[in-house]
C-alpha atoms as a PDB file:
ATOM      1  CA  MET A   1      69.626 157.271 148.197  1.00  0.00           C
ATOM      2  CA  GLY A   2      68.861 157.193 151.921  1.00  0.00           C
ATOM      3  CA  ILE A   3      68.272 153.448 151.730  1.00  0.00           C
ATOM      4  CA  ILE A   4      71.715 152.902 150.092  1.00  0.00           C
ATOM      5  CA  VAL A   5      73.440 154.974 152.786  1.00  0.00           C
ATOM      6  CA  LYS A   6      71.704 152.940 155.509  1.00  0.00           C
ATOM      7  CA  LEU A   7      72.786 149.681 153.845  1.00  0.00           C
ATOM      8  CA  LEU A   8      76.384 150.847 153.580  1.00  0.00           C
ATOM      9  CA  ARG A   9      76.356 151.842 157.237  1.00  0.00           C
ATOM     10  CA  ASN A  10      74.926 148.472 158.233  1.00  0.00           C
ATOM     11  CA  MET A  11      77.659 146.704 156.173  1.00  0.00           C
ATOM     12  CA  LYS A  12      80.287 148.772 157.936  1.00  0.00           C
ATOM     13  CA  ILE A  13      81.978 149.813 154.689  1.00  0.00           C
ATOM     14  CA  PRO A  14      85.041 152.029 155.340  1.00  0.00           C
ATOM     15  CA  ARG A  15      84.612 155.795 154.877  1.00  0.00           C
ATOM     16  CA  TRP A  16      85.094 157.238 151.379  1.00  0.00           C
ATOM     17  CA  SER A  17      88.157 159.082 152.606  1.00  0.00           C
ATOM     18  CA  THR A  18      89.704 155.697 153.352  1.00  0.00           C
ATOM     19  CA  LEU A  19      88.302 153.800 150.346  1.00  0.00           C
ATOM     20  CA  LEU A  20      89.122 156.260 147.562  1.00  0.00           C
ATOM     21  CA  PRO A  21      92.952 156.040 147.851  1.00  0.00           C
ATOM     22  CA  VAL A  22      92.665 152.266 147.697  1.00  0.00           C
ATOM     23  CA  LEU A  23      90.483 152.439 144.561  1.00  0.00           C
ATOM     24  CA  PHE A  24      92.861 154.887 142.872  1.00  0.00           C
ATOM     25  CA  TYR A  25      95.773 152.563 143.662  1.00  0.00           C
ATOM     26  CA  LEU A  26      94.000 149.553 142.136  1.00  0.00           C
ATOM     27  CA  VAL A  27      93.135 151.489 138.964  1.00  0.00           C
ATOM     28  CA  PHE A  28      96.747 152.669 138.681  1.00  0.00           C
ATOM     29  CA  ILE A  29      98.096 149.104 139.004  1.00  0.00           C
ATOM     30  CA  THR A  30      95.576 147.846 136.403  1.00  0.00           C
ATOM     31  CA  CYS A  31      96.655 150.507 133.876  1.00  0.00           C
ATOM     32  CA  ILE A  32     100.324 149.646 134.371  1.00  0.00           C
ATOM     33  CA  LEU A  33      99.627 145.941 133.779  1.00  0.00           C
ATOM     34  CA  MET A  34      97.597 146.638 130.640  1.00  0.00           C
ATOM     35  CA  LEU A  35     100.396 148.735 129.193  1.00  0.00           C
ATOM     36  CA  ALA A  36     103.041 146.150 130.025  1.00  0.00           C
ATOM     37  CA  PHE A  37     101.009 143.161 128.767  1.00  0.00           C
ATOM     38  CA  PRO A  38      98.578 144.257 126.025  1.00  0.00           C
ATOM     39  CA  THR A  39      95.765 141.901 125.152  1.00  0.00           C
ATOM     40  CA  ASN A  40      96.734 139.546 122.274  1.00  0.00           C
ATOM     41  CA  SER A  41      93.659 139.833 120.090  1.00  0.00           C
ATOM     42  CA  THR A  42      95.368 138.788 116.877  1.00  0.00           C
ATOM     43  CA  THR A  43      93.621 135.787 115.371  1.00  0.00           C
ATOM     44  CA  GLY A  44      95.387 132.799 113.841  1.00  0.00           C
ATOM     45  CA  ALA A  45      94.454 133.985 110.361  1.00  0.00           C
ATOM     46  CA  GLU A  46      95.889 137.444 111.076  1.00  0.00           C
ATOM     47  CA  ARG A  47      99.140 135.965 112.387  1.00  0.00           C
ATOM     48  CA  LYS A  48      99.337 133.810 109.273  1.00  0.00           C
ATOM     49  CA  ARG A  49      98.795 136.868 107.044  1.00  0.00           C
ATOM     50  CA  SER A  50     101.409 138.880 108.923  1.00  0.00           C
ATOM     51  CA  ASN A  51     103.932 136.061 108.465  1.00  0.00           C
ATOM     52  CA  ILE A  52     103.317 136.086 104.750  1.00  0.00           C
ATOM     53  CA  ASP A  53     103.561 139.883 104.535  1.00  0.00           C
ATOM     54  CA  ALA A  54     106.855 139.778 106.419  1.00  0.00           C
ATOM     55  CA  ALA A  55     108.229 137.177 104.032  1.00  0.00           C
ATOM     56  CA  GLU A  56     107.101 139.227 101.050  1.00  0.00           C
ATOM     57  CA  ASN A  57     109.131 142.164 102.350  1.00  0.00           C
ATOM     58  CA  VAL A  58     112.306 140.116 102.761  1.00  0.00           C
ATOM     59  CA  ASP A  59     113.883 141.846  99.788  1.00  0.00           C
ATOM     60  CA  GLY A  60     112.666 145.308 100.698  1.00  0.00           C
ATOM     61  CA  ALA A  61     109.852 145.293  98.135  1.00  0.00           C
ATOM     62  CA  ASN A  62     106.516 146.916  98.803  1.00  0.00           C
ATOM     63  CA  SER A  63     104.000 144.734 100.612  1.00  0.00           C
ATOM     64  CA  VAL A  64     101.601 143.032  98.227  1.00  0.00           C
ATOM     65  CA  ILE A  65      98.952 140.573  99.335  1.00  0.00           C
ATOM     66  CA  TYR A  66      99.345 137.170  97.679  1.00  0.00           C
ATOM     67  CA  ASN A  67      97.219 134.079  98.085  1.00  0.00           C
ATOM     68  CA  VAL A  68      99.949 131.930  99.638  1.00  0.00           C
ATOM     69  CA  ASP A  69      99.150 129.612 102.531  1.00  0.00           C
ATOM     70  CA  GLU A  70     101.643 129.146 105.338  1.00  0.00           C
ATOM     71  CA  SER A  71     102.722 125.642 104.295  1.00  0.00           C
ATOM     72  CA  ALA A  72     103.427 126.677 100.690  1.00  0.00           C
ATOM     73  CA  MET A  73     105.232 129.789 101.894  1.00  0.00           C
ATOM     74  CA  GLN A  74     107.534 127.666 104.058  1.00  0.00           C
ATOM     75  CA  GLN A  75     108.238 125.229 101.209  1.00  0.00           C
ATOM     76  CA  LEU A  76     109.105 128.045  98.829  1.00  0.00           C
ATOM     77  CA  THR A  77     111.260 129.822 101.410  1.00  0.00           C
ATOM     78  CA  ASP A  78     113.193 126.642 102.221  1.00  0.00           C
ATOM     79  CA  ALA A  79     113.789 125.877  98.535  1.00  0.00           C
ATOM     80  CA  PHE A  80     114.845 129.470  97.830  1.00  0.00           C
ATOM     81  CA  ASN A  81     117.355 129.513 100.701  1.00  0.00           C
ATOM     82  CA  LYS A  82     118.893 126.208  99.596  1.00  0.00           C
ATOM     83  CA  ALA A  83     119.147 127.299  95.960  1.00  0.00           C
ATOM     84  CA  ASP A  84     120.632 130.704  96.863  1.00  0.00           C
ATOM     85  CA  THR A  85     124.186 129.416  97.230  1.00  0.00           C
ATOM     86  CA  ASN A  86     125.862 132.842  97.473  1.00  0.00           C
ATOM     87  CA  LYS A  87     123.206 134.112  99.940  1.00  0.00           C
ATOM     88  CA  ASP A  88     122.586 137.387  98.093  1.00  0.00           C
ATOM     89  CA  LYS A  89     118.773 136.901  98.272  1.00  0.00           C
ATOM     90  CA  HIS A  90     118.573 136.516  94.488  1.00  0.00           C
ATOM     91  CA  LEU A  91     118.442 133.408  92.298  1.00  0.00           C
ATOM     92  CA  THR A  92     120.190 133.398  88.945  1.00  0.00           C
ATOM     93  CA  VAL A  93     119.155 130.892  86.292  1.00  0.00           C
ATOM     94  CA  GLN A  94     122.380 128.993  87.010  1.00  0.00           C
ATOM     95  CA  GLU A  95     121.618 128.698  90.734  1.00  0.00           C
ATOM     96  CA  LEU A  96     118.044 127.648  90.037  1.00  0.00           C
ATOM     97  CA  ALA A  97     119.089 125.074  87.409  1.00  0.00           C
ATOM     98  CA  LYS A  98     121.745 123.609  89.695  1.00  0.00           C
ATOM     99  CA  TYR A  99     119.237 123.196  92.524  1.00  0.00           C
ATOM    100  CA  ILE A 100     116.577 121.659  90.247  1.00  0.00           C
ATOM    101  CA  ASN A 101     119.143 119.204  88.874  1.00  0.00           C
ATOM    102  CA  PHE A 102     120.067 118.254  92.438  1.00  0.00           C
ATOM    103  CA  LYS A 103     116.372 117.661  93.263  1.00  0.00           C
ATOM    104  CA  ILE A 104     115.903 115.523  90.132  1.00  0.00           C
ATOM    105  CA  ARG A 105     118.960 113.372  90.875  1.00  0.00           C
ATOM    106  CA  ASP A 106     117.973 112.986  94.523  1.00  0.00           C
ATOM    107  CA  HIS A 107     114.437 111.924  93.561  1.00  0.00           C
ATOM    108  CA  ILE A 108     115.605 109.368  91.000  1.00  0.00           C
ATOM    109  CA  ASP A 109     118.316 107.954  93.276  1.00  0.00           C
ATOM    110  CA  ASN A 110     115.780 107.606  96.091  1.00  0.00           C
ATOM    111  CA  ALA A 111     113.245 105.919  93.793  1.00  0.00           C
ATOM    112  CA  ILE A 112     115.811 103.355  92.628  1.00  0.00           C
ATOM    113  CA  ARG A 113     117.053 102.778  96.186  1.00  0.00           C
ATOM    114  CA  THR A 114     113.618 102.247  97.776  1.00  0.00           C
ATOM    115  CA  ASN A 115     112.005 100.306  94.913  1.00  0.00           C
ATOM    116  CA  PRO A 116     113.193  96.818  96.057  1.00  0.00           C
ATOM    117  CA  SER A 117     112.000  97.253  99.660  1.00  0.00           C
ATOM    118  CA  THR A 118     108.585  98.539  98.539  1.00  0.00           C
ATOM    119  CA  PHE A 119     108.335  95.639  96.090  1.00  0.00           C
ATOM    120  CA  VAL A 120     109.086  93.072  98.817  1.00  0.00           C
ATOM    121  CA  GLU A 121     106.613  94.750 101.199  1.00  0.00           C
ATOM    122  CA  ILE A 122     103.776  94.406  98.664  1.00  0.00           C
ATOM    123  CA  ASP A 123     104.715  90.943  97.372  1.00  0.00           C
ATOM    124  CA  HIS A 124     103.239  88.668 100.065  1.00  0.00           C
ATOM    125  CA  LYS A 125     100.053  86.999  98.726  1.00  0.00           C
ATOM    126  CA  PRO A 126     101.898  84.791  97.786  1.00  0.00           C
ATOM    127  CA  ARG A 127     105.567  85.833  98.076  1.00  0.00           C
ATOM    128  CA  ASP A 128     106.545  84.739  94.571  1.00  0.00           C
ATOM    129  CA  GLY A 129     108.838  87.497  93.284  1.00  0.00           C
ATOM    130  CA  LEU A 130     105.972  89.178  91.434  1.00  0.00           C
ATOM    131  CA  VAL A 131     103.543  91.921  92.464  1.00  0.00           C
ATOM    132  CA  SER A 132     100.000  91.238  91.318  1.00  0.00           C
ATOM    133  CA  TRP A 133      97.411  93.922  90.667  1.00  0.00           C
ATOM    134  CA  ASP A 134      95.384  92.746  93.678  1.00  0.00           C
ATOM    135  CA  GLU A 135      98.464  92.967  95.920  1.00  0.00           C
ATOM    136  CA  TYR A 136      99.216  96.466  94.715  1.00  0.00           C
ATOM    137  CA  GLN A 137      95.595  97.628  94.979  1.00  0.00           C
ATOM    138  CA  SER A 138      95.416  96.359  98.572  1.00  0.00           C
ATOM    139  CA  TYR A 139      98.645  98.255  99.358  1.00  0.00           C
ATOM    140  CA  SER A 140      97.464 101.402  97.570  1.00  0.00           C
ATOM    141  CA  LEU A 141      94.130 101.470  99.421  1.00  0.00           C
ATOM    142  CA  GLY A 142      95.980 101.014 102.703  1.00  0.00           C
ATOM    143  CA  GLN A 143      98.180 104.019 101.876  1.00  0.00           C
ATOM    144  CA  LYS A 144      94.983 106.046 101.436  1.00  0.00           C
ATOM    145  CA  GLY A 145      93.592 104.789 104.762  1.00  0.00           C
ATOM    146  CA  ILE A 146      90.948 102.622 103.066  1.00  0.00           C
ATOM    147  CA  ALA A 147      90.231  99.062 104.212  1.00  0.00           C
ATOM    148  CA  GLU A 148      91.093  96.136 101.931  1.00  0.00           C
ATOM    149  CA  THR A 149      87.442  95.090 101.974  1.00  0.00           C
ATOM    150  CA  TYR A 150      86.717  97.944  99.562  1.00  0.00           C
ATOM    151  CA  MET A 151      88.278  95.839  96.790  1.00  0.00           C
ATOM    152  CA  ASN A 152      84.898  94.110  96.743  1.00  0.00           C
ATOM    153  CA  LYS A 153      82.931  95.530  93.804  1.00  0.00           C
ATOM    154  CA  ASN A 154      79.875  96.566  95.815  1.00  0.00           C
ATOM    155  CA  LEU A 155      81.978  98.486  98.321  1.00  0.00           C
ATOM    156  CA  PHE A 156      84.341  99.767  95.631  1.00  0.00           C
ATOM    157  CA  ASP A 157      81.428 101.537  93.922  1.00  0.00           C
ATOM    158  CA  THR A 158      80.849 103.550  97.117  1.00  0.00           C
ATOM    159  CA  LEU A 159      84.350 105.039  97.130  1.00  0.00           C
ATOM    160  CA  ASP A 160      84.917 108.741  96.499  1.00  0.00           C
ATOM    161  CA  ARG A 161      85.086 109.628  92.806  1.00  0.00           C
ATOM    162  CA  LYS A 162      88.634 111.013  93.072  1.00  0.00           C
ATOM    163  CA  VAL A 163      89.852 107.773  94.652  1.00  0.00           C
ATOM    164  CA  LYS A 164      88.297 105.738  91.844  1.00  0.00           C
ATOM    165  CA  GLU A 165      89.867 108.036  89.237  1.00  0.00           C
ATOM    166  CA  SER A 166      93.269 107.600  90.901  1.00  0.00           C
ATOM    167  CA  ILE A 167      92.886 103.809  90.801  1.00  0.00           C
ATOM    168  CA  ALA A 168      91.862 103.977  87.119  1.00  0.00           C
ATOM    169  CA  ARG A 169      95.022 105.992  86.311  1.00  0.00           C
ATOM    170  CA  ASP A 170      97.125 103.444  88.196  1.00  0.00           C
ATOM    171  CA  LYS A 171      95.520 100.642  86.218  1.00  0.00           C
ATOM    172  CA  ALA A 172      96.338 102.345  82.894  1.00  0.00           C
ATOM    173  CA  LEU A 173      99.970 102.873  83.949  1.00  0.00           C
ATOM    174  CA  TRP A 174     100.088  99.267  85.200  1.00  0.00           C
ATOM    175  CA  MET A 175      99.009  97.878  81.833  1.00  0.00           C
ATOM    176  CA  GLU A 176     101.659 100.004  80.119  1.00  0.00           C
ATOM    177  CA  ALA A 177     104.415  98.754  82.450  1.00  0.00           C
ATOM    178  CA  ALA A 178     103.355  95.086  82.404  1.00  0.00           C
ATOM    179  CA  ARG A 179     105.382  93.792  79.451  1.00  0.00           C
ATOM    180  CA  THR A 180     105.523  90.090  80.376  1.00  0.00           C
ATOM    181  CA  ASP A 181     102.227  89.461  82.200  1.00  0.00           C
ATOM    182  CA  PRO A 182      99.241  91.853  82.368  1.00  0.00           C
ATOM    183  CA  VAL A 183      98.293  90.783  85.914  1.00  0.00           C
ATOM    184  CA  SER A 184     101.722  91.017  87.599  1.00  0.00           C
ATOM    185  CA  LEU A 185     104.929  93.043  87.525  1.00  0.00           C
ATOM    186  CA  THR A 186     108.569  92.090  87.922  1.00  0.00           C
ATOM    187  CA  LEU A 187     110.919  94.250  90.000  1.00  0.00           C
ATOM    188  CA  ASP A 188     112.071  96.279  86.965  1.00  0.00           C
ATOM    189  CA  GLU A 189     108.508  96.630  85.677  1.00  0.00           C
ATOM    190  CA  PHE A 190     107.390  97.797  89.105  1.00  0.00           C
ATOM    191  CA  LEU A 191     109.980 100.599  88.951  1.00  0.00           C
ATOM    192  CA  SER A 192     108.697 101.553  85.490  1.00  0.00           C
ATOM    193  CA  PHE A 193     105.161 101.602  86.880  1.00  0.00           C
ATOM    194  CA  ARG A 194     105.877 103.640  90.020  1.00  0.00           C
ATOM    195  CA  HIS A 195     108.695 105.852  88.731  1.00  0.00           C
ATOM    196  CA  PRO A 196     108.836 105.739  84.909  1.00  0.00           C
ATOM    197  CA  GLU A 197     111.360 108.590  84.883  1.00  0.00           C
ATOM    198  CA  SER A 198     113.746 106.398  86.936  1.00  0.00           C
ATOM    199  CA  SER A 199     113.575 103.279  84.776  1.00  0.00           C
ATOM    200  CA  THR A 200     116.384 102.561  82.317  1.00  0.00           C
ATOM    201  CA  VAL A 201     114.027 100.282  80.395  1.00  0.00           C
ATOM    202  CA  ASN A 202     111.576 103.132  80.053  1.00  0.00           C
ATOM    203  CA  LEU A 203     114.319 105.478  78.843  1.00  0.00           C
ATOM    204  CA  LEU A 204     115.467 102.890  76.287  1.00  0.00           C
ATOM    205  CA  ASN A 205     111.887 102.769  75.014  1.00  0.00           C
ATOM    206  CA  LEU A 206     112.038 106.557  74.560  1.00  0.00           C
ATOM    207  CA  VAL A 207     115.224 106.135  72.510  1.00  0.00           C
ATOM    208  CA  ASP A 208     113.451 103.514  70.380  1.00  0.00           C
ATOM    209  CA  ASP A 209     110.557 105.931  69.837  1.00  0.00           C
ATOM    210  CA  ILE A 210     112.917 108.703  68.729  1.00  0.00           C
ATOM    211  CA  LEU A 211     114.808 106.437  66.315  1.00  0.00           C
ATOM    212  CA  ARG A 212     111.589 105.016  64.905  1.00  0.00           C
ATOM    213  CA  GLN A 213     110.238 108.481  64.177  1.00  0.00           C
ATOM    214  CA  PHE A 214     113.403 110.300  63.066  1.00  0.00           C
ATOM    215  CA  ASP A 215     115.844 107.704  61.676  1.00  0.00           C
ATOM    216  CA  ILE A 216     115.039 108.101  57.985  1.00  0.00           C
ATOM    217  CA  ASP A 217     117.778 105.858  56.551  1.00  0.00           C
ATOM    218  CA  GLY A 218     117.349 103.136  59.202  1.00  0.00           C
ATOM    219  CA  ASP A 219     120.995 102.981  60.309  1.00  0.00           C
ATOM    220  CA  ASP A 220     120.049 103.160  64.010  1.00  0.00           C
ATOM    221  CA  LYS A 221     121.680 106.580  64.311  1.00  0.00           C
ATOM    222  CA  LEU A 222     120.526 110.144  63.817  1.00  0.00           C
ATOM    223  CA  THR A 223     122.221 112.821  61.753  1.00  0.00           C
ATOM    224  CA  ILE A 224     121.749 116.503  62.568  1.00  0.00           C
ATOM    225  CA  ALA A 225     119.340 116.780  59.619  1.00  0.00           C
ATOM    226  CA  GLU A 226     117.220 113.861  60.823  1.00  0.00           C
ATOM    227  CA  PHE A 227     117.158 115.047  64.424  1.00  0.00           C
ATOM    228  CA  SER A 228     116.267 118.628  63.523  1.00  0.00           C
ATOM    229  CA  ASP A 229     113.257 117.556  61.434  1.00  0.00           C
ATOM    230  CA  VAL A 230     110.524 119.058  63.622  1.00  0.00           C
ATOM    231  CA  LEU A 231     107.650 117.140  62.033  1.00  0.00           C
ATOM    232  CA  PRO A 232     108.965 113.808  60.733  1.00  0.00           C
ATOM    233  CA  ASN A 233     106.807 111.307  58.898  1.00  0.00           C
ATOM    234  CA  GLU A 234     104.580 108.876  60.791  1.00  0.00           C
ATOM    235  CA  VAL A 235     104.445 110.909  64.007  1.00  0.00           C
ATOM    236  CA  ALA A 236     101.135 109.939  65.551  1.00  0.00           C
ATOM    237  CA  ASP A 237     101.230 112.714  68.132  1.00  0.00           C
ATOM    238  CA  PRO A 238     103.886 115.427  67.701  1.00  0.00           C
ATOM    239  CA  SER A 239     102.973 116.875  71.122  1.00  0.00           C
ATOM    240  CA  SER A 240     103.513 113.565  72.915  1.00  0.00           C
ATOM    241  CA  LYS A 241     104.958 114.182  76.385  1.00  0.00           C
ATOM    242  CA  LYS A 242     107.139 111.118  76.069  1.00  0.00           C
ATOM    243  CA  ILE A 243     109.166 112.580  73.210  1.00  0.00           C
ATOM    244  CA  ILE A 244     110.870 115.284  75.210  1.00  0.00           C
ATOM    245  CA  LEU A 245     112.445 117.294  72.401  1.00  0.00           C
ATOM    246  CA  SER A 246     112.894 120.978  71.707  1.00  0.00           C
ATOM    247  CA  GLN A 247     110.260 122.550  69.523  1.00  0.00           C
ATOM    248  CA  THR A 248     112.159 124.497  66.864  1.00  0.00           C
ATOM    249  CA  GLU A 249     114.618 123.426  64.187  1.00  0.00           C
ATOM    250  CA  ARG A 250     117.228 125.919  65.422  1.00  0.00           C
ATOM    251  CA  GLU A 251     117.022 124.575  68.992  1.00  0.00           C
ATOM    252  CA  ARG A 252     117.281 120.981  67.746  1.00  0.00           C
ATOM    253  CA  LYS A 253     120.424 121.726  65.717  1.00  0.00           C
ATOM    254  CA  GLU A 254     122.025 123.527  68.637  1.00  0.00           C
ATOM    255  CA  GLU A 255     121.226 120.655  71.022  1.00  0.00           C
ATOM    256  CA  PHE A 256     122.555 118.082  68.586  1.00  0.00           C
ATOM    257  CA  THR A 257     125.858 119.935  68.202  1.00  0.00           C
ATOM    258  CA  LYS A 258     126.423 121.010  71.794  1.00  0.00           C
ATOM    259  CA  ILE A 259     124.727 118.286  73.841  1.00  0.00           C
ATOM    260  CA  ILE A 260     124.015 115.042  71.973  1.00  0.00           C
ATOM    261  CA  ASP A 261     126.922 114.435  69.605  1.00  0.00           C
ATOM    262  CA  LYS A 262     129.592 114.041  72.285  1.00  0.00           C
ATOM    263  CA  ASN A 263     132.215 112.392  70.071  1.00  0.00           C
ATOM    264  CA  LYS A 264     131.619 114.942  67.285  1.00  0.00           C
ATOM    265  CA  ASP A 265     131.253 112.326  64.549  1.00  0.00           C
ATOM    266  CA  GLY A 266     128.123 113.958  63.122  1.00  0.00           C
ATOM    267  CA  LYS A 267     125.794 111.166  64.316  1.00  0.00           C
ATOM    268  CA  ALA A 268     123.900 110.339  67.503  1.00  0.00           C
ATOM    269  CA  ASP A 269     123.954 106.658  68.490  1.00  0.00           C
ATOM    270  CA  ARG A 270     121.785 104.932  71.110  1.00  0.00           C
ATOM    271  CA  GLY A 271     124.181 105.691  73.939  1.00  0.00           C
ATOM    272  CA  GLU A 272     124.238 109.397  73.164  1.00  0.00           C
ATOM    273  CA  LEU A 273     120.461 109.479  72.786  1.00  0.00           C
ATOM    274  CA  LEU A 274     120.022 107.615  76.085  1.00  0.00           C
ATOM    275  CA  SER A 275     122.065 110.286  77.866  1.00  0.00           C
ATOM    276  CA  TYR A 276     119.973 112.952  76.121  1.00  0.00           C
ATOM    277  CA  VAL A 277     116.590 111.597  77.319  1.00  0.00           C
ATOM    278  CA  ASP A 278     117.794 110.849  80.863  1.00  0.00           C
ATOM    279  CA  PRO A 279     116.009 113.321  83.217  1.00  0.00           C
ATOM    280  CA  ARG A 280     119.272 113.645  85.162  1.00  0.00           C
ATOM    281  CA  HIS A 281     120.847 115.386  82.165  1.00  0.00           C
ATOM    282  CA  PRO A 282     121.425 119.072  83.073  1.00  0.00           C
ATOM    283  CA  ARG A 283     119.477 120.238  80.035  1.00  0.00           C
ATOM    284  CA  TYR A 284     116.158 119.411  81.734  1.00  0.00           C
ATOM    285  CA  ALA A 285     117.019 121.501  84.776  1.00  0.00           C
ATOM    286  CA  ILE A 286     118.259 124.367  82.589  1.00  0.00           C
ATOM    287  CA  GLN A 287     115.059 124.322  80.525  1.00  0.00           C
ATOM    288  CA  GLU A 288     112.828 124.333  83.608  1.00  0.00           C
ATOM    289  CA  ALA A 289     114.877 127.034  85.342  1.00  0.00           C
ATOM    290  CA  SER A 290     114.720 129.237  82.232  1.00  0.00           C
ATOM    291  CA  THR A 291     110.959 128.774  81.987  1.00  0.00           C
ATOM    292  CA  LEU A 292     110.412 129.602  85.666  1.00  0.00           C
ATOM    293  CA  LEU A 293     112.605 132.693  85.428  1.00  0.00           C
ATOM    294  CA  THR A 294     110.778 133.924  82.336  1.00  0.00           C
ATOM    295  CA  LEU A 295     107.391 133.515  84.032  1.00  0.00           C
ATOM    296  CA  ALA A 296     108.335 135.094  87.371  1.00  0.00           C
ATOM    297  CA  ASP A 297     111.007 137.743  86.645  1.00  0.00           C
ATOM    298  CA  GLN A 298     108.852 140.847  87.130  1.00  0.00           C
ATOM    299  CA  ASN A 299     111.592 143.465  86.769  1.00  0.00           C
ATOM    300  CA  SER A 300     113.461 141.645  83.954  1.00  0.00           C
ATOM    301  CA  ASP A 301     116.801 141.644  85.776  1.00  0.00           C
ATOM    302  CA  ARG A 302     117.373 137.936  84.995  1.00  0.00           C
ATOM    303  CA  LYS A 303     117.192 137.117  88.707  1.00  0.00           C
ATOM    304  CA  LEU A 304     114.440 135.976  91.056  1.00  0.00           C
ATOM    305  CA  THR A 305     113.696 137.262  94.530  1.00  0.00           C
ATOM    306  CA  LEU A 306     111.531 135.477  97.091  1.00  0.00           C
ATOM    307  CA  HIS A 307     109.019 138.262  96.535  1.00  0.00           C
ATOM    308  CA  GLU A 308     108.761 137.361  92.822  1.00  0.00           C
ATOM    309  CA  ILE A 309     108.494 133.638  93.592  1.00  0.00           C
ATOM    310  CA  PHE A 310     105.585 134.236  95.989  1.00  0.00           C
ATOM    311  CA  ALA A 311     103.836 136.170  93.214  1.00  0.00           C
ATOM    312  CA  LYS A 312     103.877 132.984  91.082  1.00  0.00           C
ATOM    313  CA  SER A 313     103.602 130.542  93.979  1.00  0.00           C
ATOM    314  CA  SER A 314     101.349 127.990  92.244  1.00  0.00           C
ATOM    315  CA  ILE A 315     103.837 127.589  89.372  1.00  0.00           C
ATOM    316  CA  PHE A 316     106.794 127.032  91.691  1.00  0.00           C
ATOM    317  CA  ILE A 317     104.903 124.697  94.058  1.00  0.00           C
ATOM    318  CA  SER A 318     104.082 122.375  91.137  1.00  0.00           C
ATOM    319  CA  SER A 319     107.596 122.568  89.649  1.00  0.00           C
ATOM    320  CA  LYS A 320     110.583 120.291  90.168  1.00  0.00           C
ATOM    321  CA  MET A 321     112.081 122.967  92.394  1.00  0.00           C
ATOM    322  CA  VAL A 322     109.597 121.984  95.147  1.00  0.00           C
ATOM    323  CA  ASN A 323     107.452 118.952  94.253  1.00  0.00           C
ATOM    324  CA  THR A 324     109.823 116.970  92.068  1.00  0.00           C
ATOM    325  CA  ALA A 325     108.019 113.618  92.175  1.00  0.00           C
ATOM    326  CA  GLU A 326     104.569 115.023  91.396  1.00  0.00           C
ATOM    327  CA  SER A 327     105.970 117.096  88.545  1.00  0.00           C
ATOM    328  CA  PHE A 328     107.603 114.021  86.993  1.00  0.00           C
ATOM    329  CA  HIS A 329     104.487 111.905  87.336  1.00  0.00           C
ATOM    330  CA  ASP A 330     102.450 114.543  85.531  1.00  0.00           C
ATOM    331  CA  GLU A 331     104.863 114.292  82.571  1.00  0.00           C
ATOM    332  CA  PHE A 332     105.322 110.526  82.233  1.00  0.00           C
END
């Protein structure tokens, strides 16, 4: 202790009576600053969780932890706010159906509008008014950030398995769309390949399928009895996704009367059936909205809150309410 005192004297440190008020002042200032500006120790993950909890409480419901990442939460919130036309923080089946129908129409209109420019962009080796499989594969790999050299078989075999599976699916869809030449597509065929739900030719093929399977007397029209036959003869796959029909006889009869037979002559011709299978028909949006409401309406009030949508986030993210294009491509 004596040594320390001698050192302090040699360093000419001010007396304690002088130093202590200064120290007390510094401590006081430090405490004030800490209270005014608390340390922000919240991690990014905690901030993300708090954002989600806040969104879950938007309707005053109790906080429940859901596995919803920030990107999905924002997508769902944006879609909910756009669909909620009366801004009452609830979605009725009518509001949801109207928004889904808008998303479907917007997607199809955009697909038809951009198809020619995408076709011309790909058609360059040579520029002959046709898109070959090699031209498309080169374009597709480029979209995935993969060099064209990977079209070589040796390098192709080294690609990630998911990439190769994606290319195999594209090839199967290509062969289905290529009606005139298996190695190239015309402009209309390219639309059928990329956006089958947007192609009139594809929809006409659906009408042909329906008539072939349900038109018993071969008059190229369907009666209510023919259309409501749930399991007609010669149906190779009754669960085929391409025959987008209701499942019960009662539903079929109701659709025929209220939706298909517009001129009320008791028969459905090709034009009426074409309107029926068109994804832009409101019935598709109504069916999807009804299904979503049934799956997510926790309190059975026939309305959806953002809280209820977060609880079934994976269903809504994969629906036409949010990811319209991906949902369509899973069906066709």
